[in-house]
């Protein structure tokens, strides 16, 4: 009987901890979503002559969309 009570108490403790962890996770995810919604994307413009760009930078500059 003593062992059964301990197992029930352990099961309740695990359930409570799992519920608390799910609540914390939901709070973190909600906060991250709100933060992303408020961020404003800034455009970075790099001015350089094409001759001074390395090969991988030239490819990157050609693949980037032009500002609209």
Protein backbone atom coordinates (compact mmCIF):
# COMPACT_ATOMS: atom_id res chain seq x y z
CA UNK A 1 0.00 0.00 0.00
CA UNK A 2 2.84 2.37 0.86
CA UNK A 3 4.43 1.75 -2.54
CA UNK A 4 1.15 2.47 -4.36
CA UNK A 5 0.75 5.82 -2.59
CA UNK A 6 4.30 6.77 -3.51
CA UNK A 7 3.70 5.85 -7.15
CA UNK A 8 0.51 7.95 -7.23
CA UNK A 9 2.38 10.89 -5.66
CA UNK A 10 5.17 10.51 -8.22
CA UNK A 11 2.67 10.42 -11.08
CA UNK A 12 0.97 13.58 -9.78
CA UNK A 13 4.33 15.35 -9.41
CA UNK A 14 5.32 14.40 -12.96
CA UNK A 15 1.97 15.62 -14.31
CA UNK A 16 2.25 18.95 -12.48
CA UNK A 17 5.82 19.47 -13.71
CA UNK A 18 4.83 18.63 -17.29
CA UNK A 19 1.94 21.11 -17.15
CA UNK A 20 4.24 23.82 -15.78
CA UNK A 21 6.83 23.16 -18.48
CA UNK A 22 4.17 23.39 -21.20
CA UNK A 23 2.96 26.71 -19.78
CA UNK A 24 6.51 28.12 -19.71
CA UNK A 25 7.11 26.90 -23.27
CA UNK A 26 3.90 28.53 -24.50
CA UNK A 27 4.91 31.77 -22.82
CA UNK A 28 8.37 31.74 -24.41
CA UNK A 29 6.97 30.97 -27.86
CA UNK A 30 4.33 33.69 -27.53
CA UNK A 31 6.93 36.24 -26.47
CA UNK A 32 9.21 35.29 -29.37
CA UNK A 33 6.34 35.59 -31.86
CA UNK A 34 5.44 39.03 -30.52
CA UNK A 35 9.06 40.14 -30.72
CA UNK A 36 9.35 38.98 -34.32
CA UNK A 37 6.11 40.75 -35.23
CA UNK A 38 7.45 44.07 -33.91
CA UNK A 39 10.82 43.89 -35.60
CA UNK A 40 11.36 46.11 -38.57
CA UNK A 41 13.61 44.79 -41.28
CA UNK A 42 16.33 47.20 -42.22
CA UNK A 43 18.00 47.18 -45.58
CA UNK A 44 21.77 47.16 -45.63
CA UNK A 45 23.41 48.78 -48.66
CA UNK A 46 27.08 48.19 -49.38
CA UNK A 47 28.71 50.52 -51.86
CA UNK A 48 31.83 49.20 -53.57
CA UNK A 49 33.25 48.80 -57.02
CA UNK A 50 32.74 45.36 -58.52
CA UNK A 51 36.47 45.02 -59.10
CA UNK A 52 37.11 45.25 -55.35
CA UNK A 53 34.60 42.49 -54.51
CA UNK A 54 35.77 38.95 -54.00
CA UNK A 55 34.21 36.18 -56.08
CA UNK A 56 31.71 35.02 -53.43
CA UNK A 57 30.66 38.61 -52.70
CA UNK A 58 30.03 39.24 -56.41
CA UNK A 59 27.75 36.20 -56.53
CA UNK A 60 25.93 37.42 -53.41
CA UNK A 61 25.46 40.92 -54.84
CA UNK A 62 24.05 39.48 -58.06
CA UNK A 63 21.60 37.20 -56.20
CA UNK A 64 20.25 39.85 -53.84
CA UNK A 65 16.95 41.43 -54.89
CA UNK A 66 17.02 45.05 -55.94
CA UNK A 67 15.25 47.54 -53.66
CA UNK A 68 11.75 48.36 -54.77
